[in-house]
Amino acid sequence: MSIGDLIRYERKRKGWTLSQLSRRTGVSKSYLSYLERNQKKNPSITIVKRLFTVLDIPMDKVMDEDEDEEKGRIHS
């Protein structure tokens, strides 16, 4: 699961729209949309921390995802 997928999942689980998440985080709605559609692949750590804090996603989730992707590349 990518960062964008995780953000979308948690946002929808909370029943929030992109506009609501944007207001809560200060991240533009268009940027959030790009992230969720995986069109923006490398968000800054500042943005990720802000989003994960508001969505109550542990930061180690992003590290776990990165490790899984690395393992997949090594074994491919």
PDB file of N, CA and C in Angstrom:
ATOM      1  N   MET A   1       0.851  -1.177   0.000  1.00  0.00           N
ATOM      2  CA  MET A   1       0.000   0.000   0.000  1.00  0.00           C
ATOM      3  C   MET A   1       0.895   1.238   0.000  1.00  0.00           C
ATOM      4  N   SER A   2       0.649   2.142  -0.899  1.00  0.00           N
ATOM      5  CA  SER A   2       1.445   3.370  -0.983  1.00  0.00           C
ATOM      6  C   SER A   2       0.990   4.374   0.083  1.00  0.00           C
ATOM      7  N   ILE A   3       1.766   5.423   0.264  1.00  0.00           N
ATOM      8  CA  ILE A   3       1.389   6.491   1.193  1.00  0.00           C
ATOM      9  C   ILE A   3       0.038   7.072   0.783  1.00  0.00           C
ATOM     10  N   GLY A   4      -0.139   7.297  -0.504  1.00  0.00           N
ATOM     11  CA  GLY A   4      -1.403   7.846  -0.998  1.00  0.00           C
ATOM     12  C   GLY A   4      -2.583   6.947  -0.709  1.00  0.00           C
ATOM     13  N   ASP A   5      -2.392   5.636  -0.896  1.00  0.00           N
ATOM     14  CA  ASP A   5      -3.455   4.668  -0.600  1.00  0.00           C
ATOM     15  C   ASP A   5      -3.798   4.689   0.890  1.00  0.00           C
ATOM     16  N   LEU A   6      -2.781   4.765   1.719  1.00  0.00           N
ATOM     17  CA  LEU A   6      -2.969   4.783   3.166  1.00  0.00           C
ATOM     18  C   LEU A   6      -3.720   6.043   3.598  1.00  0.00           C
ATOM     19  N   ILE A   7      -3.340   7.172   3.045  1.00  0.00           N
ATOM     20  CA  ILE A   7      -4.015   8.440   3.361  1.00  0.00           C
ATOM     21  C   ILE A   7      -5.484   8.365   2.944  1.00  0.00           C
ATOM     22  N   ARG A   8      -5.741   7.891   1.723  1.00  0.00           N
ATOM     23  CA  ARG A   8      -7.129   7.776   1.248  1.00  0.00           C
ATOM     24  C   ARG A   8      -7.938   6.843   2.140  1.00  0.00           C
ATOM     25  N   TYR A   9      -7.358   5.693   2.474  1.00  0.00           N
ATOM     26  CA  TYR A   9      -8.043   4.716   3.304  1.00  0.00           C
ATOM     27  C   TYR A   9      -8.442   5.327   4.653  1.00  0.00           C
ATOM     28  N   GLU A  10      -7.484   5.960   5.321  1.00  0.00           N
ATOM     29  CA  GLU A  10      -7.753   6.519   6.644  1.00  0.00           C
ATOM     30  C   GLU A  10      -8.722   7.704   6.560  1.00  0.00           C
ATOM     31  N   ARG A  11      -8.604   8.521   5.534  1.00  0.00           N
ATOM     32  CA  ARG A  11      -9.527   9.657   5.356  1.00  0.00           C
ATOM     33  C   ARG A  11     -10.950   9.138   5.193  1.00  0.00           C
ATOM     34  N   LYS A  12     -11.127   8.154   4.339  1.00  0.00           N
ATOM     35  CA  LYS A  12     -12.464   7.613   4.104  1.00  0.00           C
ATOM     36  C   LYS A  12     -12.991   6.877   5.332  1.00  0.00           C
ATOM     37  N   ARG A  13     -12.116   6.197   6.045  1.00  0.00           N
ATOM     38  CA  ARG A  13     -12.512   5.497   7.262  1.00  0.00           C
ATOM     39  C   ARG A  13     -13.083   6.482   8.286  1.00  0.00           C
ATOM     40  N   LYS A  14     -12.528   7.690   8.302  1.00  0.00           N
ATOM     41  CA  LYS A  14     -13.017   8.726   9.217  1.00  0.00           C
ATOM     42  C   LYS A  14     -14.253   9.440   8.651  1.00  0.00           C
ATOM     43  N   GLY A  15     -14.570   9.183   7.376  1.00  0.00           N
ATOM     44  CA  GLY A  15     -15.727   9.818   6.765  1.00  0.00           C
ATOM     45  C   GLY A  15     -15.482  11.258   6.341  1.00  0.00           C
ATOM     46  N   TRP A  16     -14.218  11.606   6.124  1.00  0.00           N
ATOM     47  CA  TRP A  16     -13.854  12.974   5.746  1.00  0.00           C
ATOM     48  C   TRP A  16     -13.740  13.108   4.239  1.00  0.00           C
ATOM     49  N   THR A  17     -14.071  14.281   3.742  1.00  0.00           N
ATOM     50  CA  THR A  17     -13.842  14.613   2.341  1.00  0.00           C
ATOM     51  C   THR A  17     -12.415  15.144   2.201  1.00  0.00           C
ATOM     52  N   LEU A  18     -11.975  15.287   0.954  1.00  0.00           N
ATOM     53  CA  LEU A  18     -10.671  15.911   0.722  1.00  0.00           C
ATOM     54  C   LEU A  18     -10.658  17.329   1.286  1.00  0.00           C
ATOM     55  N   SER A  19     -11.761  18.041   1.125  1.00  0.00           N
ATOM     56  CA  SER A  19     -11.846  19.415   1.641  1.00  0.00           C
ATOM     57  C   SER A  19     -11.681  19.451   3.158  1.00  0.00           C
ATOM     58  N   GLN A  20     -12.303  18.516   3.845  1.00  0.00           N
ATOM     59  CA  GLN A  20     -12.180  18.472   5.303  1.00  0.00           C
ATOM     60  C   GLN A  20     -10.753  18.167   5.725  1.00  0.00           C
ATOM     61  N   LEU A  21     -10.122  17.214   5.061  1.00  0.00           N
ATOM     62  CA  LEU A  21      -8.730  16.893   5.387  1.00  0.00           C
ATOM     63  C   LEU A  21      -7.829  18.078   5.079  1.00  0.00           C
ATOM     64  N   SER A  22      -8.100  18.754   3.995  1.00  0.00           N
ATOM     65  CA  SER A  22      -7.326  19.925   3.626  1.00  0.00           C
ATOM     66  C   SER A  22      -7.416  21.007   4.710  1.00  0.00           C
ATOM     67  N   ARG A  23      -8.614  21.277   5.191  1.00  0.00           N
ATOM     68  CA  ARG A  23      -8.800  22.284   6.241  1.00  0.00           C
ATOM     69  C   ARG A  23      -8.092  21.878   7.527  1.00  0.00           C
ATOM     70  N   ARG A  24      -8.136  20.607   7.864  1.00  0.00           N
ATOM     71  CA  ARG A  24      -7.538  20.131   9.114  1.00  0.00           C
ATOM     72  C   ARG A  24      -6.013  20.131   9.073  1.00  0.00           C
ATOM     73  N   THR A  25      -5.444  19.974   7.870  1.00  0.00           N
ATOM     74  CA  THR A  25      -3.990  19.829   7.760  1.00  0.00           C
ATOM     75  C   THR A  25      -3.286  21.051   7.174  1.00  0.00           C
ATOM     76  N   GLY A  26      -4.030  21.890   6.462  1.00  0.00           N
ATOM     77  CA  GLY A  26      -3.399  23.017   5.776  1.00  0.00           C
ATOM     78  C   GLY A  26      -2.732  22.607   4.475  1.00  0.00           C
ATOM     79  N   VAL A  27      -2.974  21.375   4.028  1.00  0.00           N
ATOM     80  CA  VAL A  27      -2.439  20.883   2.760  1.00  0.00           C
ATOM     81  C   VAL A  27      -3.535  21.081   1.712  1.00  0.00           C
ATOM     82  N   SER A  28      -3.174  21.623   0.564  1.00  0.00           N
ATOM     83  CA  SER A  28      -4.194  21.931  -0.443  1.00  0.00           C
ATOM     84  C   SER A  28      -4.940  20.684  -0.903  1.00  0.00           C
ATOM     85  N   LYS A  29      -6.197  20.897  -1.243  1.00  0.00           N
ATOM     86  CA  LYS A  29      -7.044  19.806  -1.718  1.00  0.00           C
ATOM     87  C   LYS A  29      -6.458  19.174  -2.982  1.00  0.00           C
ATOM     88  N   SER A  30      -5.925  20.001  -3.879  1.00  0.00           N
ATOM     89  CA  SER A  30      -5.362  19.462  -5.119  1.00  0.00           C
ATOM     90  C   SER A  30      -4.127  18.601  -4.834  1.00  0.00           C
ATOM     91  N   TYR A  31      -3.288  19.027  -3.898  1.00  0.00           N
ATOM     92  CA  TYR A  31      -2.107  18.236  -3.536  1.00  0.00           C
ATOM     93  C   TYR A  31      -2.521  16.909  -2.910  1.00  0.00           C
ATOM     94  N   LEU A  32      -3.531  16.956  -2.034  1.00  0.00           N
ATOM     95  CA  LEU A  32      -4.035  15.720  -1.427  1.00  0.00           C
ATOM     96  C   LEU A  32      -4.557  14.767  -2.496  1.00  0.00           C
ATOM     97  N   SER A  33      -5.253  15.315  -3.466  1.00  0.00           N
ATOM     98  CA  SER A  33      -5.785  14.499  -4.555  1.00  0.00           C
ATOM     99  C   SER A  33      -4.656  13.827  -5.333  1.00  0.00           C
ATOM    100  N   TYR A  34      -3.607  14.592  -5.637  1.00  0.00           N
ATOM    101  CA  TYR A  34      -2.445  14.005  -6.323  1.00  0.00           C
ATOM    102  C   TYR A  34      -1.830  12.881  -5.497  1.00  0.00           C
ATOM    103  N   LEU A  35      -1.692  13.114  -4.182  1.00  0.00           N
ATOM    104  CA  LEU A  35      -1.123  12.086  -3.307  1.00  0.00           C
ATOM    105  C   LEU A  35      -1.974  10.819  -3.327  1.00  0.00           C
ATOM    106  N   GLU A  36      -3.275  10.997  -3.147  1.00  0.00           N
ATOM    107  CA  GLU A  36      -4.161   9.833  -3.071  1.00  0.00           C
ATOM    108  C   GLU A  36      -4.215   9.051  -4.374  1.00  0.00           C
ATOM    109  N   ARG A  37      -4.012   9.728  -5.489  1.00  0.00           N
ATOM    110  CA  ARG A  37      -4.029   9.041  -6.783  1.00  0.00           C
ATOM    111  C   ARG A  37      -2.628   8.587  -7.194  1.00  0.00           C
ATOM    112  N   ASN A  38      -1.686   8.716  -6.263  1.00  0.00           N
ATOM    113  CA  ASN A  38      -0.295   8.301  -6.480  1.00  0.00           C
ATOM    114  C   ASN A  38       0.369   9.014  -7.651  1.00  0.00           C
ATOM    115  N   GLN A  39      -0.055  10.234  -7.905  1.00  0.00           N
ATOM    116  CA  GLN A  39       0.585  11.050  -8.937  1.00  0.00           C
ATOM    117  C   GLN A  39       1.703  11.890  -8.343  1.00  0.00           C
ATOM    118  N   LYS A  40       1.734  11.981  -7.039  1.00  0.00           N
ATOM    119  CA  LYS A  40       2.810  12.664  -6.325  1.00  0.00           C
ATOM    120  C   LYS A  40       3.466  11.601  -5.471  1.00  0.00           C
ATOM    121  N   LYS A  41       4.658  11.188  -5.852  1.00  0.00           N
ATOM    122  CA  LYS A  41       5.290  10.009  -5.243  1.00  0.00           C
ATOM    123  C   LYS A  41       6.163  10.313  -4.027  1.00  0.00           C
ATOM    124  N   ASN A  42       6.742  11.504  -3.953  1.00  0.00           N
ATOM    125  CA  ASN A  42       7.700  11.792  -2.883  1.00  0.00           C
ATOM    126  C   ASN A  42       7.323  13.045  -2.089  1.00  0.00           C
ATOM    127  N   PRO A  43       6.253  12.956  -1.290  1.00  0.00           N
ATOM    128  CA  PRO A  43       5.894  14.129  -0.479  1.00  0.00           C
ATOM    129  C   PRO A  43       6.961  14.384   0.578  1.00  0.00           C
ATOM    130  N   SER A  44       7.079  15.621   0.994  1.00  0.00           N
ATOM    131  CA  SER A  44       8.077  15.951   2.016  1.00  0.00           C
ATOM    132  C   SER A  44       7.683  15.288   3.332  1.00  0.00           C
ATOM    133  N   ILE A  45       8.667  15.058   4.170  1.00  0.00           N
ATOM    134  CA  ILE A  45       8.419  14.453   5.473  1.00  0.00           C
ATOM    135  C   ILE A  45       7.528  15.359   6.311  1.00  0.00           C
ATOM    136  N   THR A  46       7.624  16.667   6.117  1.00  0.00           N
ATOM    137  CA  THR A  46       6.780  17.617   6.849  1.00  0.00           C
ATOM    138  C   THR A  46       5.304  17.391   6.521  1.00  0.00           C
ATOM    139  N   ILE A  47       5.002  17.225   5.244  1.00  0.00           N
ATOM    140  CA  ILE A  47       3.619  16.988   4.812  1.00  0.00           C
ATOM    141  C   ILE A  47       3.140  15.627   5.326  1.00  0.00           C
ATOM    142  N   VAL A  48       3.976  14.616   5.204  1.00  0.00           N
ATOM    143  CA  VAL A  48       3.604  13.277   5.664  1.00  0.00           C
ATOM    144  C   VAL A  48       3.313  13.295   7.164  1.00  0.00           C
ATOM    145  N   LYS A  49       4.175  13.938   7.946  1.00  0.00           N
ATOM    146  CA  LYS A  49       3.964  14.009   9.394  1.00  0.00           C
ATOM    147  C   LYS A  49       2.653  14.717   9.715  1.00  0.00           C
ATOM    148  N   ARG A  50       2.389  15.807   9.025  1.00  0.00           N
ATOM    149  CA  ARG A  50       1.158  16.561   9.263  1.00  0.00           C
ATOM    150  C   ARG A  50      -0.068  15.692   8.972  1.00  0.00           C
ATOM    151  N   LEU A  51      -0.061  15.021   7.828  1.00  0.00           N
ATOM    152  CA  LEU A  51      -1.186  14.174   7.446  1.00  0.00           C
ATOM    153  C   LEU A  51      -1.346  12.994   8.396  1.00  0.00           C
ATOM    154  N   PHE A  52      -0.242  12.327   8.711  1.00  0.00           N
ATOM    155  CA  PHE A  52      -0.309  11.161   9.586  1.00  0.00           C
ATOM    156  C   PHE A  52      -0.756  11.551  10.994  1.00  0.00           C
ATOM    157  N   THR A  53      -0.333  12.712  11.473  1.00  0.00           N
ATOM    158  CA  THR A  53      -0.746  13.177  12.797  1.00  0.00           C
ATOM    159  C   THR A  53      -2.250  13.393  12.844  1.00  0.00           C
ATOM    160  N   VAL A  54      -2.782  14.108  11.861  1.00  0.00           N
ATOM    161  CA  VAL A  54      -4.217  14.399  11.819  1.00  0.00           C
ATOM    162  C   VAL A  54      -5.036  13.123  11.615  1.00  0.00           C
ATOM    163  N   LEU A  55      -4.528  12.203  10.813  1.00  0.00           N
ATOM    164  CA  LEU A  55      -5.248  10.962  10.520  1.00  0.00           C
ATOM    165  C   LEU A  55      -4.980   9.856  11.547  1.00  0.00           C
ATOM    166  N   ASP A  56      -4.127  10.142  12.538  1.00  0.00           N
ATOM    167  CA  ASP A  56      -3.761   9.158  13.570  1.00  0.00           C
ATOM    168  C   ASP A  56      -3.130   7.906  12.975  1.00  0.00           C
ATOM    169  N   ILE A  57      -2.232   8.098  12.020  1.00  0.00           N
ATOM    170  CA  ILE A  57      -1.480   6.998  11.425  1.00  0.00           C
ATOM    171  C   ILE A  57      -0.089   7.016  12.054  1.00  0.00           C
ATOM    172  N   PRO A  58       0.351   5.908  12.633  1.00  0.00           N
ATOM    173  CA  PRO A  58       1.700   5.880  13.203  1.00  0.00           C
ATOM    174  C   PRO A  58       2.757   6.085  12.114  1.00  0.00           C
ATOM    175  N   MET A  59       3.778   6.868  12.416  1.00  0.00           N
ATOM    176  CA  MET A  59       4.828   7.132  11.432  1.00  0.00           C
ATOM    177  C   MET A  59       5.560   5.862  11.025  1.00  0.00           C
ATOM    178  N   ASP A  60       5.587   4.864  11.870  1.00  0.00           N
ATOM    179  CA  ASP A  60       6.276   3.632  11.495  1.00  0.00           C
ATOM    180  C   ASP A  60       5.561   2.912  10.350  1.00  0.00           C
ATOM    181  N   LYS A  61       4.311   3.266  10.077  1.00  0.00           N
ATOM    182  CA  LYS A  61       3.589   2.686   8.944  1.00  0.00           C
ATOM    183  C   LYS A  61       4.300   3.006   7.638  1.00  0.00           C
ATOM    184  N   VAL A  62       4.784   4.232   7.502  1.00  0.00           N
ATOM    185  CA  VAL A  62       5.467   4.611   6.265  1.00  0.00           C
ATOM    186  C   VAL A  62       6.803   3.893   6.160  1.00  0.00           C
ATOM    187  N   MET A  63       7.450   3.675   7.285  1.00  0.00           N
ATOM    188  CA  MET A  63       8.723   2.955   7.260  1.00  0.00           C
ATOM    189  C   MET A  63       8.496   1.491   6.883  1.00  0.00           C
ATOM    190  N   ASP A  64       7.434   0.892   7.411  1.00  0.00           N
ATOM    191  CA  ASP A  64       7.124  -0.501   7.069  1.00  0.00           C
ATOM    192  C   ASP A  64       6.866  -0.641   5.577  1.00  0.00           C
ATOM    193  N   GLU A  65       6.152   0.317   5.001  1.00  0.00           N
ATOM    194  CA  GLU A  65       5.845   0.282   3.576  1.00  0.00           C
ATOM    195  C   GLU A  65       7.123   0.385   2.748  1.00  0.00           C
ATOM    196  N   ASP A  66       8.021   1.285   3.159  1.00  0.00           N
ATOM    197  CA  ASP A  66       9.284   1.448   2.434  1.00  0.00           C
ATOM    198  C   ASP A  66      10.099   0.157   2.480  1.00  0.00           C
ATOM    199  N   GLU A  67      10.153  -0.487   3.635  1.00  0.00           N
ATOM    200  CA  GLU A  67      10.911  -1.732   3.765  1.00  0.00           C
ATOM    201  C   GLU A  67      10.314  -2.828   2.898  1.00  0.00           C
ATOM    202  N   ASP A  68       8.984  -2.915   2.857  1.00  0.00           N
ATOM    203  CA  ASP A  68       8.327  -3.921   2.026  1.00  0.00           C
ATOM    204  C   ASP A  68       8.636  -3.701   0.552  1.00  0.00           C
ATOM    205  N   GLU A  69       8.638  -2.439   0.131  1.00  0.00           N
ATOM    206  CA  GLU A  69       8.953  -2.132  -1.272  1.00  0.00           C
ATOM    207  C   GLU A  69      10.390  -2.501  -1.586  1.00  0.00           C
ATOM    208  N   GLU A  70      11.302  -2.217  -0.675  1.00  0.00           N
ATOM    209  CA  GLU A  70      12.705  -2.558  -0.886  1.00  0.00           C
ATOM    210  C   GLU A  70      12.880  -4.067  -1.005  1.00  0.00           C
ATOM    211  N   LYS A  71      12.229  -4.812  -0.145  1.00  0.00           N
ATOM    212  CA  LYS A  71      12.335  -6.273  -0.201  1.00  0.00           C
ATOM    213  C   LYS A  71      11.817  -6.794  -1.537  1.00  0.00           C
ATOM    214  N   GLY A  72      10.729  -6.207  -2.017  1.00  0.00           N
ATOM    215  CA  GLY A  72      10.174  -6.604  -3.300  1.00  0.00           C
ATOM    216  C   GLY A  72      11.142  -6.352  -4.432  1.00  0.00           C
ATOM    217  N   ARG A  73      11.871  -5.240  -4.361  1.00  0.00           N
ATOM    218  CA  ARG A  73      12.844  -4.924  -5.412  1.00  0.00           C
ATOM    219  C   ARG A  73      14.019  -5.894  -5.384  1.00  0.00           C
ATOM    220  N   ILE A  74      14.426  -6.259  -4.193  1.00  0.00           N
ATOM    221  CA  ILE A  74      15.580  -7.144  -4.061  1.00  0.00           C
ATOM    222  C   ILE A  74      15.242  -8.544  -4.575  1.00  0.00           C
ATOM    223  N   HIS A  75      14.030  -9.000  -4.306  1.00  0.00           N
ATOM    224  CA  HIS A  75      13.655 -10.355  -4.679  1.00  0.00           C
ATOM    225  C   HIS A  75      13.073 -10.459  -6.085  1.00  0.00           C
ATOM    226  N   SER A  76      12.953  -9.377  -6.779  1.00  0.00           N
ATOM    227  CA  SER A  76      12.368  -9.418  -8.119  1.00  0.00           C
ATOM    228  C   SER A  76      13.312 -10.024  -9.121  1.00  0.00           C
TER     229      SER A  76
END
